[in-house]
Amino acid sequence: MSFNELIVNGGFETGGLAPWVGLNAAITSQDSHSGFFAARLTGGAVNSYIFQTVPVTAG
């Protein structure tokens, strides 16, 4: 059985958010875990999120 990576730019290593969609989110180089970039979501009393639509095939 083979597996394909469905998440594009999952580590945000392009330095940009695309193809992720976000609200109150930005890419930063200050808080990366193992690469050079990370997504930062605004905290506090505002809604923040990121998501990516991923095509899947049943079976």
Foldseek 3Di string as FASTA:
>chain_A
DDDDDQDDCPQVQVLFQPPKDKDQKGKDQPDHDPHRIDIDHDDDPDDIDIDDDTDDDDD
